Amino acid sequence: MNTRFRRAALAVAAAAVLPVALSACSDNSKDGAASDNGKSSTAASDPATDSATSGSGDMADADQPFGPACSTVPKNGAGSFDGMAKDPVATAASNNPALSTLVTAVKKAGLVNTLNTARNITVFAPTNDAFAKIPKATLDKVLADKAQLTKILTYHVVGQKLAPKDLESGSYATLEKSRLTTAGSGESYTVDDASEVVCGNVKTANANVYIVDTVLMPKS
């Protein structure tokens, strides 16, 4: 009888202790899981943050203007890269001293409004030095001939926005209705195998601009 009594007492004690032990284990497990989840979440978010930061930096760098003539663009004001990005393309060009001859030609051809109101275009913009390669008598004659001037200027405009990678090997319809070709890689590109991009990927409010060192001539 004594042995049976002791066994019964032990069973009762075990029954009383077991729920307490299970409850303690359960609480510890929850605390541990919460702690692990917190660490896991933090660890997972760090690489994502680093990756996003790095990615946006790389994209920003790749999306900047490039080329030797970019150093001549004003650092501040309406003619700077930031300033030109706020204005439509003809207005933006008028604020860049290196494009004054082009702006004069655009005004003579009556294309200011056409260029400023066009959407998502690419303009290959000849510098003053590019126009200076044309004999003065010839240039004066072209500037005085609105039809011929319009034909030449619209040949410099493509009806879509071209990124630098699009220039690697391409043929694009111009507003003049014929096609120009592009080739190159990295930061070195040519247009029609003759004109070099000297400052590329310049953004305006409605266009991507590639400043070139030679005036482009339509094939016909």
N, C-alpha and C. Protein backbone atom coordinates (compact mmCIF):
# COMPACT_ATOMS: atom_id res chain seq x y z
N MET A 1 0.85 -1.20 0.00
CA MET A 1 0.00 0.00 0.00
C MET A 1 0.87 1.23 0.00
N ASN A 2 1.94 1.24 0.77
CA ASN A 2 2.85 2.39 0.81
C ASN A 2 3.43 2.66 -0.56
N THR A 3 3.80 1.56 -1.27
CA THR A 3 4.40 1.72 -2.61
C THR A 3 3.38 2.31 -3.56
N ARG A 4 2.15 1.83 -3.51
CA ARG A 4 1.11 2.36 -4.38
C ARG A 4 0.86 3.83 -4.07
N PHE A 5 0.88 4.21 -2.80
CA PHE A 5 0.64 5.60 -2.43
C PHE A 5 1.72 6.51 -2.98
N ARG A 6 2.99 6.04 -2.87
CA ARG A 6 4.10 6.86 -3.38
C ARG A 6 4.00 7.05 -4.89
N ARG A 7 3.63 5.98 -5.63
CA ARG A 7 3.50 6.09 -7.10
C ARG A 7 2.39 7.07 -7.47
N ALA A 8 1.29 7.03 -6.75
CA ALA A 8 0.18 7.93 -7.02
C ALA A 8 0.58 9.37 -6.78
N ALA A 9 1.34 9.59 -5.70
CA ALA A 9 1.79 10.94 -5.37
C ALA A 9 2.71 11.49 -6.44
N LEU A 10 3.63 10.62 -6.92
CA LEU A 10 4.57 11.04 -7.97
C LEU A 10 3.82 11.40 -9.26
N ALA A 11 2.79 10.62 -9.59
CA ALA A 11 2.03 10.87 -10.81
C ALA A 11 1.33 12.21 -10.73
N VAL A 12 0.74 12.50 -9.56
CA VAL A 12 0.06 13.78 -9.38
C VAL A 12 1.03 14.93 -9.52
N ALA A 13 2.24 14.79 -8.94
CA ALA A 13 3.25 15.85 -9.00
C ALA A 13 3.69 16.08 -10.43
N ALA A 14 3.89 15.00 -11.19
CA ALA A 14 4.34 15.10 -12.58
C ALA A 14 3.27 15.80 -13.42
N ALA A 15 2.01 15.46 -13.17
CA ALA A 15 0.92 16.07 -13.91
C ALA A 15 0.85 17.56 -13.66
N ALA A 16 1.19 17.97 -12.45
CA ALA A 16 1.15 19.39 -12.11
C ALA A 16 2.31 20.15 -12.73
N VAL A 17 3.48 19.53 -12.80
CA VAL A 17 4.69 20.20 -13.29
C VAL A 17 4.71 20.27 -14.81
N LEU A 18 4.19 19.25 -15.53
CA LEU A 18 4.31 19.15 -16.98
C LEU A 18 3.73 20.36 -17.71
N PRO A 19 2.50 20.83 -17.40
CA PRO A 19 1.98 22.01 -18.12
C PRO A 19 2.85 23.24 -17.96
N VAL A 20 3.40 23.44 -16.75
CA VAL A 20 4.28 24.58 -16.50
C VAL A 20 5.51 24.50 -17.38
N ALA A 21 6.11 23.32 -17.49
CA ALA A 21 7.32 23.13 -18.30
C ALA A 21 7.02 23.38 -19.77
N LEU A 22 5.86 22.83 -20.23
CA LEU A 22 5.51 23.02 -21.64
C LEU A 22 5.28 24.49 -21.95
N SER A 23 4.62 25.18 -20.99
CA SER A 23 4.36 26.60 -21.19
C SER A 23 5.65 27.38 -21.28
N ALA A 24 6.61 27.06 -20.44
CA ALA A 24 7.90 27.74 -20.45
C ALA A 24 8.62 27.50 -21.76
N CYS A 25 8.59 26.24 -22.23
CA CYS A 25 9.25 25.91 -23.50
C CYS A 25 8.61 26.68 -24.65
N SER A 26 7.26 26.76 -24.59
CA SER A 26 6.54 27.44 -25.66
C SER A 26 6.91 28.91 -25.70
N ASP A 27 7.00 29.55 -24.52
CA ASP A 27 7.35 30.97 -24.46
C ASP A 27 8.75 31.20 -24.98
N ASN A 28 9.68 30.34 -24.60
CA ASN A 28 11.06 30.48 -25.05
C ASN A 28 11.15 30.33 -26.57
N SER A 29 10.35 29.39 -27.10
CA SER A 29 10.36 29.13 -28.53
C SER A 29 9.88 30.35 -29.29
N LYS A 30 8.79 30.98 -28.78
CA LYS A 30 8.26 32.17 -29.43
C LYS A 30 9.25 33.30 -29.40
N ASP A 31 9.88 33.51 -28.24
CA ASP A 31 10.88 34.57 -28.11
C ASP A 31 12.01 34.34 -29.08
N GLY A 32 12.45 33.08 -29.17
CA GLY A 32 13.57 32.76 -30.05
C GLY A 32 13.20 33.00 -31.49
N ALA A 33 11.97 32.59 -31.87
CA ALA A 33 11.53 32.76 -33.26
C ALA A 33 11.44 34.23 -33.60
N ALA A 34 10.89 35.03 -32.67
CA ALA A 34 10.77 36.46 -32.92
C ALA A 34 12.14 37.08 -33.10
N SER A 35 13.06 36.65 -32.23
CA SER A 35 14.42 37.19 -32.32
C SER A 35 15.07 36.81 -33.62
N ASP A 36 14.92 35.52 -34.00
CA ASP A 36 15.53 35.05 -35.25
C ASP A 36 14.92 35.76 -36.45
N ASN A 37 13.56 35.93 -36.40
CA ASN A 37 12.91 36.59 -37.51
C ASN A 37 13.38 38.02 -37.65
N GLY A 38 13.56 38.69 -36.51
CA GLY A 38 14.04 40.06 -36.55
C GLY A 38 15.41 40.14 -37.16
N LYS A 39 16.29 39.21 -36.76
CA LYS A 39 17.65 39.22 -37.32
C LYS A 39 17.62 38.88 -38.79
N SER A 40 16.77 37.89 -39.16
CA SER A 40 16.70 37.46 -40.54
C SER A 40 16.20 38.59 -41.42
N SER A 41 15.16 39.32 -40.92
CA SER A 41 14.60 40.41 -41.69
C SER A 41 15.62 41.51 -41.90
N THR A 42 16.36 41.82 -40.83
CA THR A 42 17.38 42.87 -40.94
C THR A 42 18.47 42.46 -41.90
N ALA A 43 18.90 41.21 -41.79
CA ALA A 43 19.98 40.73 -42.65
C ALA A 43 19.54 40.72 -44.10
N ALA A 44 18.27 40.38 -44.34
CA ALA A 44 17.78 40.30 -45.71
C ALA A 44 17.63 41.69 -46.31
N SER A 45 17.26 42.66 -45.45
CA SER A 45 17.01 43.98 -46.00
C SER A 45 18.30 44.72 -46.32
N ASP A 46 19.38 44.44 -45.61
CA ASP A 46 20.63 45.17 -45.84
C ASP A 46 21.16 44.99 -47.25
N PRO A 47 21.30 43.73 -47.75
CA PRO A 47 21.80 43.58 -49.10
C PRO A 47 20.89 44.22 -50.13
N ALA A 48 19.56 44.15 -49.90
CA ALA A 48 18.63 44.74 -50.85
C ALA A 48 18.84 46.24 -50.92
N THR A 49 19.03 46.85 -49.73
CA THR A 49 19.26 48.29 -49.69
C THR A 49 20.54 48.63 -50.41
N ASP A 50 21.61 47.87 -50.13
CA ASP A 50 22.89 48.13 -50.78
C ASP A 50 22.77 47.98 -52.28
N SER A 51 22.05 46.93 -52.70
CA SER A 51 21.91 46.66 -54.12
C SER A 51 21.15 47.78 -54.80
N ALA A 52 20.07 48.23 -54.15
CA ALA A 52 19.27 49.28 -54.76
C ALA A 52 20.09 50.56 -54.87
N THR A 53 20.84 50.88 -53.81
CA THR A 53 21.65 52.09 -53.84
C THR A 53 22.70 52.00 -54.93
N SER A 54 23.36 50.85 -55.00
CA SER A 54 24.40 50.66 -56.00
C SER A 54 23.81 50.73 -57.39
N GLY A 55 22.65 50.09 -57.58
CA GLY A 55 22.03 50.06 -58.89
C GLY A 55 21.65 51.44 -59.36
N SER A 56 21.04 52.24 -58.47
CA SER A 56 20.63 53.56 -58.88
C SER A 56 21.83 54.42 -59.20
N GLY A 57 22.92 54.21 -58.47
CA GLY A 57 24.14 54.96 -58.75
C GLY A 57 24.69 54.61 -60.11
N ASP A 58 24.70 53.31 -60.43
CA ASP A 58 25.22 52.89 -61.73
C ASP A 58 24.37 53.45 -62.85
N MET A 59 23.05 53.44 -62.67
CA MET A 59 22.16 53.95 -63.70
C MET A 59 22.37 55.44 -63.89
N ALA A 60 22.55 56.15 -62.78
CA ALA A 60 22.74 57.59 -62.86
C ALA A 60 24.02 57.90 -63.63
N ASP A 61 25.09 57.17 -63.35
CA ASP A 61 26.35 57.40 -64.04
C ASP A 61 26.21 57.13 -65.53
N ALA A 62 25.51 56.05 -65.88
CA ALA A 62 25.36 55.65 -67.27
C ALA A 62 24.47 56.62 -68.03
N ASP A 63 23.69 57.41 -67.34
CA ASP A 63 22.72 58.28 -67.98
C ASP A 63 23.21 59.72 -68.10
N GLN A 64 24.49 59.95 -67.84
CA GLN A 64 25.04 61.30 -67.89
C GLN A 64 25.53 61.66 -69.29
N PRO A 65 25.58 62.96 -69.62
CA PRO A 65 26.18 63.37 -70.88
C PRO A 65 27.64 62.94 -70.95
N PHE A 66 28.14 62.71 -72.16
CA PHE A 66 29.52 62.26 -72.32
C PHE A 66 30.12 62.87 -73.57
N GLY A 67 31.44 62.95 -73.60
CA GLY A 67 32.14 63.43 -74.79
C GLY A 67 33.00 64.64 -74.47
N PRO A 68 34.03 64.89 -75.27
CA PRO A 68 34.99 65.96 -74.98
C PRO A 68 34.37 67.36 -74.97
N ALA A 69 33.37 67.61 -75.80
CA ALA A 69 32.79 68.95 -75.87
C ALA A 69 31.86 69.24 -74.70
N CYS A 70 31.53 68.24 -73.92
CA CYS A 70 30.65 68.47 -72.76
C CYS A 70 31.30 69.43 -71.76
N SER A 71 32.63 69.49 -71.76
CA SER A 71 33.32 70.36 -70.81
C SER A 71 33.10 71.84 -71.13
N THR A 72 32.66 72.15 -72.35
CA THR A 72 32.42 73.55 -72.73
C THR A 72 31.01 74.01 -72.38
N VAL A 73 30.16 73.09 -71.98
CA VAL A 73 28.78 73.45 -71.61
C VAL A 73 28.82 74.20 -70.29
N PRO A 74 28.09 75.32 -70.19
CA PRO A 74 28.08 76.08 -68.92
C PRO A 74 27.72 75.20 -67.74
N LYS A 75 28.35 75.46 -66.62
CA LYS A 75 28.11 74.65 -65.42
C LYS A 75 26.81 75.03 -64.72
N ASN A 76 26.39 76.27 -64.89
CA ASN A 76 25.18 76.73 -64.21
C ASN A 76 24.31 77.52 -65.18
N GLY A 77 23.06 77.73 -64.79
CA GLY A 77 22.17 78.56 -65.57
C GLY A 77 21.39 77.79 -66.62
N ALA A 78 20.68 78.53 -67.48
CA ALA A 78 19.79 77.92 -68.47
C ALA A 78 20.55 77.09 -69.50
N GLY A 79 21.82 77.44 -69.75
CA GLY A 79 22.61 76.71 -70.74
C GLY A 79 23.33 75.50 -70.20
N SER A 80 23.22 75.24 -68.89
CA SER A 80 23.84 74.06 -68.28
C SER A 80 23.01 72.82 -68.60
N PHE A 81 23.56 71.65 -68.29
CA PHE A 81 22.80 70.42 -68.53
C PHE A 81 21.49 70.42 -67.75
N ASP A 82 21.54 70.85 -66.50
CA ASP A 82 20.32 70.89 -65.69
C ASP A 82 19.33 71.91 -66.25
N GLY A 83 19.85 73.05 -66.71
CA GLY A 83 18.99 74.08 -67.27
C GLY A 83 18.33 73.63 -68.56
N MET A 84 19.11 73.00 -69.46
CA MET A 84 18.56 72.54 -70.73
C MET A 84 17.50 71.46 -70.53
N ALA A 85 17.64 70.68 -69.49
CA ALA A 85 16.68 69.60 -69.23
C ALA A 85 15.28 70.13 -68.92
N LYS A 86 15.20 71.40 -68.55
CA LYS A 86 13.91 71.98 -68.18
C LYS A 86 13.18 72.61 -69.37
N ASP A 87 13.91 72.83 -70.47
CA ASP A 87 13.33 73.54 -71.61
C ASP A 87 13.16 72.63 -72.82
N PRO A 88 12.19 72.93 -73.71
CA PRO A 88 12.10 72.18 -74.97
C PRO A 88 13.34 72.45 -75.81
N VAL A 89 13.58 71.61 -76.79
CA VAL A 89 14.90 71.53 -77.41
C VAL A 89 15.37 72.82 -78.09
N ALA A 90 14.52 73.49 -78.83
CA ALA A 90 14.97 74.71 -79.52
C ALA A 90 15.33 75.80 -78.51
N THR A 91 14.53 75.92 -77.47
CA THR A 91 14.82 76.89 -76.41
C THR A 91 16.10 76.51 -75.68
N ALA A 92 16.26 75.23 -75.37
CA ALA A 92 17.47 74.76 -74.69
C ALA A 92 18.71 75.06 -75.52
N ALA A 93 18.63 74.82 -76.83
CA ALA A 93 19.78 75.08 -77.71
C ALA A 93 20.13 76.56 -77.74
N SER A 94 19.12 77.41 -77.66
CA SER A 94 19.37 78.86 -77.71
C SER A 94 20.14 79.35 -76.49
N ASN A 95 20.15 78.56 -75.43
CA ASN A 95 20.88 78.93 -74.22
C ASN A 95 22.29 78.36 -74.18
N ASN A 96 22.67 77.63 -75.25
CA ASN A 96 24.01 77.03 -75.32
C ASN A 96 24.82 77.81 -76.36
N PRO A 97 25.84 78.56 -75.93
CA PRO A 97 26.61 79.41 -76.85
C PRO A 97 27.22 78.64 -78.02
N ALA A 98 27.54 77.37 -77.84
CA ALA A 98 28.18 76.57 -78.89
C ALA A 98 27.22 76.20 -80.01
N LEU A 99 25.92 76.47 -79.81
CA LEU A 99 24.92 76.09 -80.81
C LEU A 99 24.23 77.31 -81.42
N SER A 100 24.85 78.48 -81.34
CA SER A 100 24.19 79.71 -81.80
C SER A 100 23.93 79.71 -83.30
N THR A 101 24.83 79.15 -84.11
CA THR A 101 24.59 79.12 -85.56
C THR A 101 23.41 78.20 -85.88
N LEU A 102 23.33 77.08 -85.20
CA LEU A 102 22.19 76.17 -85.39
C LEU A 102 20.89 76.87 -85.04
N VAL A 103 20.88 77.60 -83.95
CA VAL A 103 19.67 78.30 -83.52
C VAL A 103 19.26 79.34 -84.56
N THR A 104 20.24 80.06 -85.11
CA THR A 104 19.95 81.02 -86.18
C THR A 104 19.31 80.32 -87.37
N ALA A 105 19.87 79.16 -87.75
CA ALA A 105 19.33 78.40 -88.89
C ALA A 105 17.90 77.92 -88.60
N VAL A 106 17.66 77.44 -87.39
CA VAL A 106 16.33 76.96 -87.01
C VAL A 106 15.31 78.10 -87.08
N LYS A 107 15.70 79.28 -86.64
CA LYS A 107 14.80 80.43 -86.69
C LYS A 107 14.51 80.83 -88.14
N LYS A 108 15.54 80.83 -88.99
CA LYS A 108 15.36 81.20 -90.40
C LYS A 108 14.43 80.21 -91.12
N ALA A 109 14.50 78.95 -90.71
CA ALA A 109 13.66 77.93 -91.33
C ALA A 109 12.26 77.89 -90.73
N GLY A 110 12.03 78.65 -89.67
CA GLY A 110 10.71 78.67 -89.03
C GLY A 110 10.39 77.38 -88.30
N LEU A 111 11.43 76.74 -87.72
CA LEU A 111 11.23 75.43 -87.10
C LEU A 111 11.23 75.46 -85.57
N VAL A 112 11.30 76.66 -84.99
CA VAL A 112 11.37 76.74 -83.52
C VAL A 112 10.15 76.07 -82.88
N ASN A 113 8.97 76.44 -83.31
CA ASN A 113 7.76 75.88 -82.72
C ASN A 113 7.64 74.39 -83.01
N THR A 114 8.01 73.99 -84.24
CA THR A 114 7.96 72.57 -84.61
C THR A 114 8.80 71.73 -83.67
N LEU A 115 10.02 72.18 -83.41
CA LEU A 115 10.92 71.42 -82.55
C LEU A 115 10.50 71.48 -81.08
N ASN A 116 10.02 72.63 -80.65
CA ASN A 116 9.65 72.78 -79.25
C ASN A 116 8.39 72.01 -78.88
N THR A 117 7.51 71.78 -79.84
CA THR A 117 6.25 71.09 -79.54
C THR A 117 6.29 69.60 -79.89
N ALA A 118 7.34 69.17 -80.58
CA ALA A 118 7.47 67.75 -80.90
C ALA A 118 7.69 66.97 -79.60
N ARG A 119 7.30 65.70 -79.63
CA ARG A 119 7.43 64.89 -78.42
C ARG A 119 8.36 63.71 -78.68
N ASN A 120 9.24 63.46 -77.71
CA ASN A 120 10.11 62.28 -77.74
C ASN A 120 10.91 62.17 -79.05
N ILE A 121 11.76 63.16 -79.29
CA ILE A 121 12.58 63.17 -80.49
C ILE A 121 14.06 63.13 -80.12
N THR A 122 14.89 62.88 -81.12
CA THR A 122 16.34 62.97 -80.96
C THR A 122 16.85 63.99 -81.96
N VAL A 123 17.71 64.90 -81.50
CA VAL A 123 18.27 65.93 -82.36
C VAL A 123 19.79 65.77 -82.38
N PHE A 124 20.34 65.67 -83.58
CA PHE A 124 21.79 65.70 -83.77
C PHE A 124 22.14 67.16 -84.07
N ALA A 125 22.73 67.82 -83.10
CA ALA A 125 22.91 69.28 -83.15
C ALA A 125 24.34 69.66 -83.53
N PRO A 126 24.53 70.21 -84.73
CA PRO A 126 25.89 70.63 -85.13
C PRO A 126 26.36 71.86 -84.35
N THR A 127 27.61 71.85 -83.98
CA THR A 127 28.20 72.98 -83.27
C THR A 127 28.47 74.14 -84.24
N ASN A 128 28.82 75.29 -83.68
CA ASN A 128 29.23 76.42 -84.52
C ASN A 128 30.42 76.03 -85.40
N ASP A 129 31.35 75.26 -84.85
CA ASP A 129 32.52 74.83 -85.62
C ASP A 129 32.12 73.91 -86.77
N ALA A 130 31.05 73.13 -86.56
CA ALA A 130 30.56 72.26 -87.63
C ALA A 130 30.07 73.10 -88.81
N PHE A 131 29.33 74.16 -88.53
CA PHE A 131 28.86 75.04 -89.59
C PHE A 131 30.02 75.80 -90.23
N ALA A 132 31.05 76.08 -89.43
CA ALA A 132 32.21 76.81 -89.95
C ALA A 132 32.99 76.00 -90.99
N LYS A 133 32.80 74.68 -91.02
CA LYS A 133 33.45 73.85 -92.03
C LYS A 133 32.86 74.09 -93.43
N ILE A 134 31.65 74.62 -93.48
CA ILE A 134 31.00 74.89 -94.76
C ILE A 134 31.50 76.24 -95.27
N PRO A 135 31.94 76.34 -96.50
CA PRO A 135 32.37 77.64 -97.05
C PRO A 135 31.31 78.70 -96.81
N LYS A 136 31.73 79.89 -96.43
CA LYS A 136 30.78 80.95 -96.06
C LYS A 136 29.77 81.24 -97.16
N ALA A 137 30.22 81.29 -98.38
CA ALA A 137 29.30 81.59 -99.49
C ALA A 137 28.22 80.52 -99.60
N THR A 138 28.62 79.26 -99.43
CA THR A 138 27.67 78.16 -99.49
C THR A 138 26.69 78.21 -98.33
N LEU A 139 27.22 78.47 -97.12
CA LEU A 139 26.38 78.55 -95.93
C LEU A 139 25.37 79.70 -96.05
N ASP A 140 25.84 80.86 -96.52
CA ASP A 140 24.94 82.00 -96.69
C ASP A 140 23.82 81.68 -97.68
N LYS A 141 24.18 80.95 -98.74
CA LYS A 141 23.19 80.57 -99.74
C LYS A 141 22.14 79.64 -99.15
N VAL A 142 22.61 78.67 -98.35
CA VAL A 142 21.69 77.72 -97.72
C VAL A 142 20.78 78.43 -96.72
N LEU A 143 21.35 79.33 -95.94
CA LEU A 143 20.56 80.05 -94.94
C LEU A 143 19.48 80.92 -95.60
N ALA A 144 19.74 81.31 -96.83
CA ALA A 144 18.77 82.16 -97.54
C ALA A 144 17.72 81.35 -98.28
N ASP A 145 17.92 80.05 -98.37
CA ASP A 145 16.98 79.16 -99.09
C ASP A 145 16.20 78.36 -98.05
N LYS A 146 14.99 78.83 -97.71
CA LYS A 146 14.23 78.21 -96.62
C LYS A 146 13.92 76.74 -96.88
N ALA A 147 13.58 76.40 -98.10
CA ALA A 147 13.23 75.01 -98.41
C ALA A 147 14.44 74.09 -98.22
N GLN A 148 15.59 74.52 -98.75
CA GLN A 148 16.80 73.71 -98.61
C GLN A 148 17.25 73.64 -97.15
N LEU A 149 17.17 74.76 -96.47
CA LEU A 149 17.56 74.81 -95.05
C LEU A 149 16.68 73.89 -94.22
N THR A 150 15.37 73.92 -94.49
CA THR A 150 14.44 73.05 -93.76
C THR A 150 14.77 71.59 -94.00
N LYS A 151 15.09 71.27 -95.24
CA LYS A 151 15.43 69.89 -95.60
C LYS A 151 16.67 69.42 -94.81
N ILE A 152 17.67 70.27 -94.73
CA ILE A 152 18.91 69.91 -94.02
C ILE A 152 18.65 69.78 -92.52
N LEU A 153 17.95 70.74 -91.95
CA LEU A 153 17.74 70.74 -90.50
C LEU A 153 16.86 69.57 -90.06
N THR A 154 15.81 69.28 -90.80
CA THR A 154 14.93 68.17 -90.40
C THR A 154 15.61 66.81 -90.58
N TYR A 155 16.66 66.79 -91.40
CA TYR A 155 17.45 65.55 -91.52
C TYR A 155 18.21 65.26 -90.23
N HIS A 156 18.38 66.26 -89.40
CA HIS A 156 19.08 66.09 -88.11
C HIS A 156 18.16 65.63 -86.99
N VAL A 157 16.89 65.38 -87.30
CA VAL A 157 15.91 65.06 -86.26
C VAL A 157 15.30 63.68 -86.52
N VAL A 158 15.35 62.83 -85.49
CA VAL A 158 14.75 61.49 -85.54
C VAL A 158 13.51 61.50 -84.66
N GLY A 159 12.45 60.88 -85.13
CA GLY A 159 11.16 60.93 -84.42
C GLY A 159 11.02 59.98 -83.25
N GLN A 160 12.09 59.68 -82.57
CA GLN A 160 12.05 58.88 -81.35
C GLN A 160 13.27 59.22 -80.51
N LYS A 161 13.16 58.96 -79.22
CA LYS A 161 14.30 59.22 -78.34
C LYS A 161 15.30 58.07 -78.44
N LEU A 162 16.54 58.40 -78.76
CA LEU A 162 17.58 57.39 -78.88
C LEU A 162 18.53 57.47 -77.70
N ALA A 163 18.72 56.35 -77.03
CA ALA A 163 19.71 56.25 -75.97
C ALA A 163 21.06 55.93 -76.61
N PRO A 164 22.16 56.14 -75.89
CA PRO A 164 23.48 55.84 -76.46
C PRO A 164 23.57 54.43 -77.04
N LYS A 165 23.00 53.45 -76.37
CA LYS A 165 23.09 52.06 -76.87
C LYS A 165 22.39 51.90 -78.22
N ASP A 166 21.40 52.76 -78.49
CA ASP A 166 20.69 52.70 -79.77
C ASP A 166 21.58 53.16 -80.93
N LEU A 167 22.64 53.90 -80.59
CA LEU A 167 23.53 54.42 -81.63
C LEU A 167 24.61 53.43 -82.04
N GLU A 168 24.70 52.30 -81.35
CA GLU A 168 25.80 51.37 -81.61
C GLU A 168 25.78 50.84 -83.05
N SER A 169 24.62 50.59 -83.56
CA SER A 169 24.48 50.18 -84.96
C SER A 169 23.03 50.36 -85.35
N GLY A 170 22.73 51.50 -86.00
CA GLY A 170 21.33 51.76 -86.27
C GLY A 170 21.10 52.53 -87.55
N SER A 171 19.87 52.46 -88.01
CA SER A 171 19.41 53.22 -89.17
C SER A 171 18.05 53.79 -88.78
N TYR A 172 17.91 55.12 -88.82
CA TYR A 172 16.70 55.73 -88.28
C TYR A 172 16.09 56.72 -89.26
N ALA A 173 14.76 56.69 -89.34
CA ALA A 173 14.04 57.62 -90.19
C ALA A 173 14.10 59.02 -89.58
N THR A 174 14.34 60.01 -90.41
CA THR A 174 14.40 61.40 -89.95
C THR A 174 13.11 62.12 -90.33
N LEU A 175 12.93 63.32 -89.77
CA LEU A 175 11.76 64.11 -90.13
C LEU A 175 11.82 64.57 -91.58
N GLU A 176 13.01 64.52 -92.18
CA GLU A 176 13.18 64.88 -93.59
C GLU A 176 12.70 63.76 -94.51
N LYS A 177 12.41 62.60 -93.91
CA LYS A 177 11.85 61.42 -94.58
C LYS A 177 12.90 60.45 -95.13
N SER A 178 14.18 60.78 -95.06
CA SER A 178 15.20 59.78 -95.41
C SER A 178 15.80 59.24 -94.12
N ARG A 179 16.81 58.41 -94.23
CA ARG A 179 17.36 57.74 -93.05
C ARG A 179 18.81 58.12 -92.83
N LEU A 180 19.19 58.23 -91.57
CA LEU A 180 20.59 58.40 -91.21
C LEU A 180 21.06 57.15 -90.49
N THR A 181 22.36 56.94 -90.45
CA THR A 181 22.91 55.75 -89.80
C THR A 181 23.83 56.16 -88.65
N THR A 182 23.91 55.31 -87.66
CA THR A 182 24.79 55.55 -86.52
C THR A 182 25.63 54.31 -86.24
N ALA A 183 26.79 54.53 -85.64
CA ALA A 183 27.66 53.41 -85.28
C ALA A 183 28.58 53.84 -84.16
N GLY A 184 29.08 52.84 -83.41
CA GLY A 184 30.03 53.15 -82.35
C GLY A 184 29.77 52.33 -81.10
N SER A 185 30.43 52.72 -80.02
CA SER A 185 30.25 52.05 -78.73
C SER A 185 30.85 52.92 -77.64
N GLY A 186 30.50 52.59 -76.40
CA GLY A 186 31.05 53.31 -75.26
C GLY A 186 30.68 54.78 -75.31
N GLU A 187 31.69 55.64 -75.50
CA GLU A 187 31.45 57.07 -75.61
C GLU A 187 31.93 57.61 -76.96
N SER A 188 32.04 56.73 -77.94
CA SER A 188 32.51 57.12 -79.27
C SER A 188 31.50 56.68 -80.33
N TYR A 189 30.85 57.67 -80.96
CA TYR A 189 29.82 57.37 -81.95
C TYR A 189 29.96 58.28 -83.17
N THR A 190 29.59 57.76 -84.33
CA THR A 190 29.56 58.56 -85.55
C THR A 190 28.16 58.50 -86.14
N VAL A 191 27.84 59.53 -86.91
CA VAL A 191 26.56 59.59 -87.62
C VAL A 191 26.88 59.71 -89.11
N ASP A 192 26.29 58.83 -89.91
CA ASP A 192 26.55 58.78 -91.35
C ASP A 192 28.04 58.63 -91.66
N ASP A 193 28.77 57.97 -90.78
CA ASP A 193 30.19 57.67 -90.98
C ASP A 193 31.07 58.91 -91.12
N ALA A 194 30.51 60.08 -90.86
CA ALA A 194 31.29 61.30 -91.09
C ALA A 194 31.30 62.25 -89.90
N SER A 195 30.17 62.35 -89.23
CA SER A 195 30.03 63.30 -88.14
C SER A 195 30.19 62.59 -86.80
N GLU A 196 31.05 63.12 -85.95
CA GLU A 196 31.30 62.50 -84.65
C GLU A 196 30.48 63.18 -83.55
N VAL A 197 29.98 62.36 -82.64
CA VAL A 197 29.29 62.90 -81.46
C VAL A 197 30.35 63.42 -80.49
N VAL A 198 30.30 64.72 -80.21
CA VAL A 198 31.30 65.31 -79.33
C VAL A 198 30.75 65.58 -77.93
N CYS A 199 29.43 65.56 -77.80
CA CYS A 199 28.81 65.64 -76.48
C CYS A 199 27.44 64.97 -76.60
N GLY A 200 27.33 63.77 -76.06
CA GLY A 200 26.13 62.98 -76.27
C GLY A 200 25.26 62.82 -75.04
N ASN A 201 24.03 62.39 -75.28
CA ASN A 201 23.07 62.09 -74.22
C ASN A 201 22.71 63.32 -73.39
N VAL A 202 22.55 64.45 -74.08
CA VAL A 202 22.11 65.68 -73.43
C VAL A 202 20.59 65.69 -73.43
N LYS A 203 20.00 65.89 -72.26
CA LYS A 203 18.54 65.82 -72.14
C LYS A 203 17.92 67.22 -72.19
N THR A 204 16.83 67.34 -72.94
CA THR A 204 15.97 68.52 -72.86
C THR A 204 14.58 68.02 -72.48
N ALA A 205 13.65 68.95 -72.34
CA ALA A 205 12.31 68.56 -71.87
C ALA A 205 11.61 67.60 -72.83
N ASN A 206 11.94 67.68 -74.12
CA ASN A 206 11.22 66.83 -75.09
C ASN A 206 12.14 66.06 -76.03
N ALA A 207 13.45 66.11 -75.78
CA ALA A 207 14.36 65.47 -76.74
C ALA A 207 15.65 65.00 -76.07
N ASN A 208 16.26 64.00 -76.70
CA ASN A 208 17.65 63.65 -76.41
C ASN A 208 18.50 64.31 -77.48
N VAL A 209 19.58 64.95 -77.08
CA VAL A 209 20.42 65.70 -78.01
C VAL A 209 21.82 65.10 -78.06
N TYR A 210 22.33 64.95 -79.28
CA TYR A 210 23.71 64.53 -79.49
C TYR A 210 24.38 65.63 -80.30
N ILE A 211 25.31 66.33 -79.66
CA ILE A 211 26.00 67.43 -80.33
C ILE A 211 27.09 66.83 -81.22
N VAL A 212 27.10 67.24 -82.51
CA VAL A 212 28.00 66.64 -83.50
C VAL A 212 28.92 67.68 -84.11
N ASP A 213 30.04 67.20 -84.68
CA ASP A 213 31.07 68.12 -85.17
C ASP A 213 31.00 68.40 -86.67
N THR A 214 30.01 67.84 -87.36
CA THR A 214 29.85 68.06 -88.80
C THR A 214 28.37 68.14 -89.14
N VAL A 215 28.02 69.08 -90.01
CA VAL A 215 26.63 69.20 -90.45
C VAL A 215 26.29 67.99 -91.32
N LEU A 216 25.15 67.36 -91.03
CA LEU A 216 24.71 66.20 -91.80
C LEU A 216 23.98 66.64 -93.06
N MET A 217 24.19 65.93 -94.14
CA MET A 217 23.54 66.27 -95.39
C MET A 217 22.65 65.12 -95.86
N PRO A 218 21.39 65.42 -96.22
CA PRO A 218 20.49 64.37 -96.74
C PRO A 218 21.09 63.71 -97.96
N LYS A 219 20.73 62.45 -98.17
CA LYS A 219 21.29 61.70 -99.28
C LYS A 219 20.81 62.23 -100.62
N SER A 220 19.64 62.87 -100.64
CA SER A 220 19.12 63.37 -101.92
C SER A 220 18.55 64.75 -101.75
